């Protein structure tokens, strides 16, 4: 059912004029596409890269936190995680690495470009933003898509889509400023 909802959101967004970025508008991939083998939350996936599973942090967005380390999930955290899990688990994705390749946790920083499954041909960060499942997170030098993500988040927020219709900002992001 949620997979159907994801497809419906993409269809509505496209019909409303929000253009989700297809693969050919992105920089070339640096390696062969990999399979998504684990999805811990909405903005982090584990992908087979160079023969082993590597955590990948999606550039440009931040989804609410899922329950972990004895903490409850933030408002809409589980929904964002479920969305990414159902759309990408066991699917093939390409990665367009950021200028800064890894974060302080050792995760690869990349745009995630699904090539199979319901999100094939669409940028994951843009899909999360337009669906109301994430806020913008622009961190230099990996902030080239920040204006586009900001526009998509603003539209989702104005339409009260996803977390923007179900949560207060502090329910979804308790440790952040609006």
C-alpha atoms as a PDB file:
ATOM      1  CA  UNK A   1       0.000   0.000   0.000  1.00  0.00           C
ATOM      2  CA  UNK A   2       2.796   2.442   0.869  1.00  0.00           C
ATOM      3  CA  UNK A   3       4.589   1.542  -2.318  1.00  0.00           C
ATOM      4  CA  UNK A   4       1.426   2.462  -4.195  1.00  0.00           C
ATOM      5  CA  UNK A   5       1.337   5.725  -2.232  1.00  0.00           C
ATOM      6  CA  UNK A   6       4.962   6.428  -3.200  1.00  0.00           C
ATOM      7  CA  UNK A   7       4.139   5.931  -6.863  1.00  0.00           C
ATOM      8  CA  UNK A   8       1.074   8.152  -6.491  1.00  0.00           C
ATOM      9  CA  UNK A   9       3.149  10.913  -4.876  1.00  0.00           C
ATOM     10  CA  UNK A  10       5.635  10.800  -7.740  1.00  0.00           C
ATOM     11  CA  UNK A  11       2.811  10.862 -10.288  1.00  0.00           C
ATOM     12  CA  UNK A  12       1.082  13.820  -8.574  1.00  0.00           C
ATOM     13  CA  UNK A  13       4.366  15.694  -8.166  1.00  0.00           C
ATOM     14  CA  UNK A  14       5.182  15.218 -11.826  1.00  0.00           C
ATOM     15  CA  UNK A  15       1.697  16.291 -12.913  1.00  0.00           C
ATOM     16  CA  UNK A  16       1.918  19.350 -10.662  1.00  0.00           C
ATOM     17  CA  UNK A  17       5.074  20.423 -12.440  1.00  0.00           C
ATOM     18  CA  UNK A  18       7.690  19.335  -9.908  1.00  0.00           C
ATOM     19  CA  UNK A  19      10.366  17.745 -12.022  1.00  0.00           C
ATOM     20  CA  UNK A  20      12.273  15.043 -10.233  1.00  0.00           C
ATOM     21  CA  UNK A  21      15.798  14.791 -11.585  1.00  0.00           C
ATOM     22  CA  UNK A  22      16.375  11.789 -13.860  1.00  0.00           C
ATOM     23  CA  UNK A  23      19.716  10.003 -13.942  1.00  0.00           C
ATOM     24  CA  UNK A  24      20.995  11.716 -17.094  1.00  0.00           C
ATOM     25  CA  UNK A  25      20.894  15.140 -15.376  1.00  0.00           C
ATOM     26  CA  UNK A  26      23.380  13.969 -12.739  1.00  0.00           C
ATOM     27  CA  UNK A  27      27.155  13.687 -12.788  1.00  0.00           C
ATOM     28  CA  UNK A  28      28.444  10.327 -13.967  1.00  0.00           C
ATOM     29  CA  UNK A  29      28.673   7.534 -11.441  1.00  0.00           C
ATOM     30  CA  UNK A  30      32.107   6.642 -10.189  1.00  0.00           C
ATOM     31  CA  UNK A  31      31.508   2.932 -10.015  1.00  0.00           C
ATOM     32  CA  UNK A  32      29.129   0.169 -10.951  1.00  0.00           C
ATOM     33  CA  UNK A  33      25.618   0.370  -9.509  1.00  0.00           C
ATOM     34  CA  UNK A  34      25.141  -1.506  -6.254  1.00  0.00           C
ATOM     35  CA  UNK A  35      22.342  -3.363  -4.512  1.00  0.00           C
ATOM     36  CA  UNK A  36      20.683  -1.858  -1.437  1.00  0.00           C
ATOM     37  CA  UNK A  37      21.012  -4.507   1.293  1.00  0.00           C
ATOM     38  CA  UNK A  38      19.815  -2.591   4.376  1.00  0.00           C
ATOM     39  CA  UNK A  39      17.856   0.590   5.106  1.00  0.00           C
ATOM     40  CA  UNK A  40      18.309   1.755   8.720  1.00  0.00           C
ATOM     41  CA  UNK A  41      16.309   4.965   8.229  1.00  0.00           C
ATOM     42  CA  UNK A  42      14.913   7.322   5.619  1.00  0.00           C
ATOM     43  CA  UNK A  43      18.181   9.006   4.628  1.00  0.00           C
ATOM     44  CA  UNK A  44      20.734   6.223   5.119  1.00  0.00           C
ATOM     45  CA  UNK A  45      21.083   3.005   3.146  1.00  0.00           C
ATOM     46  CA  UNK A  46      23.653   0.229   2.959  1.00  0.00           C
ATOM     47  CA  UNK A  47      24.797  -0.507  -0.584  1.00  0.00           C
ATOM     48  CA  UNK A  48      27.174  -3.142  -1.939  1.00  0.00           C
ATOM     49  CA  UNK A  49      30.172  -1.063  -3.071  1.00  0.00           C
ATOM     50  CA  UNK A  50      33.438  -2.701  -4.134  1.00  0.00           C
ATOM     51  CA  UNK A  51      32.162  -6.083  -2.975  1.00  0.00           C
ATOM     52  CA  UNK A  52      31.074  -5.063   0.538  1.00  0.00           C
ATOM     53  CA  UNK A  53      28.152  -3.351   2.221  1.00  0.00           C
ATOM     54  CA  UNK A  54      28.861   0.344   2.824  1.00  0.00           C
ATOM     55  CA  UNK A  55      26.597   2.844   4.619  1.00  0.00           C
ATOM     56  CA  UNK A  56      25.556   5.713   2.352  1.00  0.00           C
ATOM     57  CA  UNK A  57      24.142   9.007   3.668  1.00  0.00           C
ATOM     58  CA  UNK A  58      21.843  10.731   1.170  1.00  0.00           C
ATOM     59  CA  UNK A  59      23.076  14.244   0.343  1.00  0.00           C
ATOM     60  CA  UNK A  60      20.698  17.183   0.657  1.00  0.00           C
ATOM     61  CA  UNK A  61      17.975  15.962   3.004  1.00  0.00           C
ATOM     62  CA  UNK A  62      17.384  14.919   6.580  1.00  0.00           C
ATOM     63  CA  UNK A  63      14.510  12.623   7.521  1.00  0.00           C
ATOM     64  CA  UNK A  64      13.160  12.443  11.076  1.00  0.00           C
ATOM     65  CA  UNK A  65      14.913   9.866  13.237  1.00  0.00           C
ATOM     66  CA  UNK A  66      13.655   6.310  13.663  1.00  0.00           C
ATOM     67  CA  UNK A  67      13.715   4.693  17.113  1.00  0.00           C
ATOM     68  CA  UNK A  68      17.280   3.770  18.084  1.00  0.00           C
ATOM     69  CA  UNK A  69      19.652   3.670  21.056  1.00  0.00           C
ATOM     70  CA  UNK A  70      16.731   3.662  23.514  1.00  0.00           C
ATOM     71  CA  UNK A  71      15.147   6.777  21.976  1.00  0.00           C
ATOM     72  CA  UNK A  72      11.636   6.865  20.540  1.00  0.00           C
ATOM     73  CA  UNK A  73      11.133   7.635  16.877  1.00  0.00           C
ATOM     74  CA  UNK A  74      10.539  11.274  15.987  1.00  0.00           C
ATOM     75  CA  UNK A  75       7.217  12.163  14.373  1.00  0.00           C
ATOM     76  CA  UNK A  76       7.168  10.645  10.868  1.00  0.00           C
ATOM     77  CA  UNK A  77      10.584   8.992  11.364  1.00  0.00           C
ATOM     78  CA  UNK A  78       9.212   5.487  10.973  1.00  0.00           C
ATOM     79  CA  UNK A  79       7.176   6.494   7.908  1.00  0.00           C
ATOM     80  CA  UNK A  80      10.219   8.010   6.210  1.00  0.00           C
ATOM     81  CA  UNK A  81      12.254   4.905   7.016  1.00  0.00           C
ATOM     82  CA  UNK A  82       9.499   2.594   5.776  1.00  0.00           C
ATOM     83  CA  UNK A  83       9.178   4.588   2.546  1.00  0.00           C
ATOM     84  CA  UNK A  84      12.885   4.298   1.735  1.00  0.00           C
ATOM     85  CA  UNK A  85      13.012   0.656   2.838  1.00  0.00           C
ATOM     86  CA  UNK A  86      10.037  -0.409   0.699  1.00  0.00           C
ATOM     87  CA  UNK A  87      11.211   1.569  -2.317  1.00  0.00           C
ATOM     88  CA  UNK A  88      14.909   0.627  -2.285  1.00  0.00           C
ATOM     89  CA  UNK A  89      15.603  -2.591  -0.349  1.00  0.00           C
ATOM     90  CA  UNK A  90      17.082  -5.155  -2.788  1.00  0.00           C
ATOM     91  CA  UNK A  91      16.935  -2.608  -5.626  1.00  0.00           C
ATOM     92  CA  UNK A  92      19.857  -1.384  -7.696  1.00  0.00           C
ATOM     93  CA  UNK A  93      21.041   2.190  -7.188  1.00  0.00           C
ATOM     94  CA  UNK A  94      23.763   4.347  -8.617  1.00  0.00           C
ATOM     95  CA  UNK A  95      25.695   6.729  -6.410  1.00  0.00           C
ATOM     96  CA  UNK A  96      26.867  10.204  -7.377  1.00  0.00           C
ATOM     97  CA  UNK A  97      29.415  10.974  -4.643  1.00  0.00           C
ATOM     98  CA  UNK A  98      29.623  14.410  -3.123  1.00  0.00           C
ATOM     99  CA  UNK A  99      32.650  16.670  -3.265  1.00  0.00           C
ATOM    100  CA  UNK A 100      33.236  15.592   0.328  1.00  0.00           C
ATOM    101  CA  UNK A 101      33.106  11.808   0.009  1.00  0.00           C
ATOM    102  CA  UNK A 102      32.525  10.674   3.619  1.00  0.00           C
ATOM    103  CA  UNK A 103      31.128  12.051   6.854  1.00  0.00           C
ATOM    104  CA  UNK A 104      32.532  11.827  10.372  1.00  0.00           C
ATOM    105  CA  UNK A 105      30.822   8.445  10.817  1.00  0.00           C
ATOM    106  CA  UNK A 106      32.569   6.968   7.767  1.00  0.00           C
ATOM    107  CA  UNK A 107      29.419   6.877   5.649  1.00  0.00           C
ATOM    108  CA  UNK A 108      29.705   7.598   1.936  1.00  0.00           C
ATOM    109  CA  UNK A 109      28.028  10.920   1.056  1.00  0.00           C
ATOM    110  CA  UNK A 110      26.196  10.619  -2.243  1.00  0.00           C
ATOM    111  CA  UNK A 111      23.128  11.367  -4.288  1.00  0.00           C
ATOM    112  CA  UNK A 112      21.189   8.110  -4.580  1.00  0.00           C
ATOM    113  CA  UNK A 113      19.832   7.364  -8.030  1.00  0.00           C
ATOM    114  CA  UNK A 114      17.651   4.221  -8.155  1.00  0.00           C
ATOM    115  CA  UNK A 115      17.840   2.330 -11.425  1.00  0.00           C
ATOM    116  CA  UNK A 116      15.298  -0.379 -10.507  1.00  0.00           C
ATOM    117  CA  UNK A 117      12.099  -0.416  -8.483  1.00  0.00           C
ATOM    118  CA  UNK A 118       9.362   2.205  -8.050  1.00  0.00           C
ATOM    119  CA  UNK A 119      11.783   5.144  -7.825  1.00  0.00           C
ATOM    120  CA  UNK A 120      13.822   4.182 -10.906  1.00  0.00           C
ATOM    121  CA  UNK A 121      14.999   7.297 -12.688  1.00  0.00           C
ATOM    122  CA  UNK A 122      14.379   9.647  -9.756  1.00  0.00           C
ATOM    123  CA  UNK A 123      16.722  11.240  -7.247  1.00  0.00           C
ATOM    124  CA  UNK A 124      15.974   9.856  -3.746  1.00  0.00           C
ATOM    125  CA  UNK A 125      16.580  13.198  -1.978  1.00  0.00           C
ATOM    126  CA  UNK A 126      14.179  15.010  -4.286  1.00  0.00           C
ATOM    127  CA  UNK A 127      11.562  12.275  -3.875  1.00  0.00           C
ATOM    128  CA  UNK A 128      11.800  12.471  -0.061  1.00  0.00           C
ATOM    129  CA  UNK A 129      11.550  16.275  -0.197  1.00  0.00           C
ATOM    130  CA  UNK A 130       8.531  16.465  -2.533  1.00  0.00           C
ATOM    131  CA  UNK A 131       6.770  13.712  -0.557  1.00  0.00           C
ATOM    132  CA  UNK A 132       7.061  15.638   2.705  1.00  0.00           C
ATOM    133  CA  UNK A 133       9.317  13.020   4.269  1.00  0.00           C
ATOM    134  CA  UNK A 134      12.395  15.205   4.811  1.00  0.00           C
ATOM    135  CA  UNK A 135      13.712  18.680   5.425  1.00  0.00           C
ATOM    136  CA  UNK A 136      16.552  20.249   3.493  1.00  0.00           C
ATOM    137  CA  UNK A 137      20.038  19.693   4.874  1.00  0.00           C
ATOM    138  CA  UNK A 138      22.628  21.696   2.946  1.00  0.00           C
ATOM    139  CA  UNK A 139      26.192  21.105   4.090  1.00  0.00           C
ATOM    140  CA  UNK A 140      29.004  22.617   2.024  1.00  0.00           C
ATOM    141  CA  UNK A 141      30.683  21.546  -0.132  1.00  0.00           C
ATOM    142  CA  UNK A 142      27.918  19.012  -0.927  1.00  0.00           C
ATOM    143  CA  UNK A 143      25.224  21.655  -1.348  1.00  0.00           C
ATOM    144  CA  UNK A 144      24.946  21.981  -5.128  1.00  0.00           C
ATOM    145  CA  UNK A 145      21.330  20.778  -5.188  1.00  0.00           C
ATOM    146  CA  UNK A 146      20.299  22.895  -2.148  1.00  0.00           C
ATOM    147  CA  UNK A 147      18.113  25.419  -4.038  1.00  0.00           C
ATOM    148  CA  UNK A 148      16.175  22.614  -5.746  1.00  0.00           C
ATOM    149  CA  UNK A 149      15.669  20.697  -2.490  1.00  0.00           C
ATOM    150  CA  UNK A 150      14.627  23.909  -0.691  1.00  0.00           C
ATOM    151  CA  UNK A 151      11.971  24.554  -3.332  1.00  0.00           C
ATOM    152  CA  UNK A 152      10.598  21.014  -3.078  1.00  0.00           C
ATOM    153  CA  UNK A 153      10.517  21.089   0.737  1.00  0.00           C
ATOM    154  CA  UNK A 154       8.796  24.506   0.712  1.00  0.00           C
ATOM    155  CA  UNK A 155       6.123  23.186  -1.661  1.00  0.00           C
ATOM    156  CA  UNK A 156       5.546  20.080   0.490  1.00  0.00           C
ATOM    157  CA  UNK A 157       5.385  22.233   3.620  1.00  0.00           C
ATOM    158  CA  UNK A 158       2.933  24.703   2.040  1.00  0.00           C
ATOM    159  CA  UNK A 159       0.716  21.788   0.947  1.00  0.00           C
ATOM    160  CA  UNK A 160       0.946  20.202   4.440  1.00  0.00           C
ATOM    161  CA  UNK A 161       2.220  17.049   2.752  1.00  0.00           C
ATOM    162  CA  UNK A 162       3.697  14.224   4.808  1.00  0.00           C
ATOM    163  CA  UNK A 163       5.355  15.281   8.047  1.00  0.00           C
ATOM    164  CA  UNK A 164       4.417  18.918   7.401  1.00  0.00           C
ATOM    165  CA  UNK A 165       0.739  18.042   7.855  1.00  0.00           C
ATOM    166  CA  UNK A 166       1.165  15.579  10.709  1.00  0.00           C
ATOM    167  CA  UNK A 167       3.914  16.993  12.924  1.00  0.00           C
ATOM    168  CA  UNK A 168       5.219  20.177  14.401  1.00  0.00           C
ATOM    169  CA  UNK A 169       8.780  20.901  13.379  1.00  0.00           C
ATOM    170  CA  UNK A 170       9.983  20.128  16.922  1.00  0.00           C
ATOM    171  CA  UNK A 171       8.124  16.785  16.967  1.00  0.00           C
ATOM    172  CA  UNK A 172       9.933  15.731  13.802  1.00  0.00           C
ATOM    173  CA  UNK A 173      13.292  17.396  14.578  1.00  0.00           C
ATOM    174  CA  UNK A 174      13.518  17.758  18.364  1.00  0.00           C
ATOM    175  CA  UNK A 175      17.189  18.825  18.390  1.00  0.00           C
ATOM    176  CA  UNK A 176      17.046  21.243  15.452  1.00  0.00           C
ATOM    177  CA  UNK A 177      16.050  24.801  14.780  1.00  0.00           C
ATOM    178  CA  UNK A 178      13.127  25.393  12.340  1.00  0.00           C
END
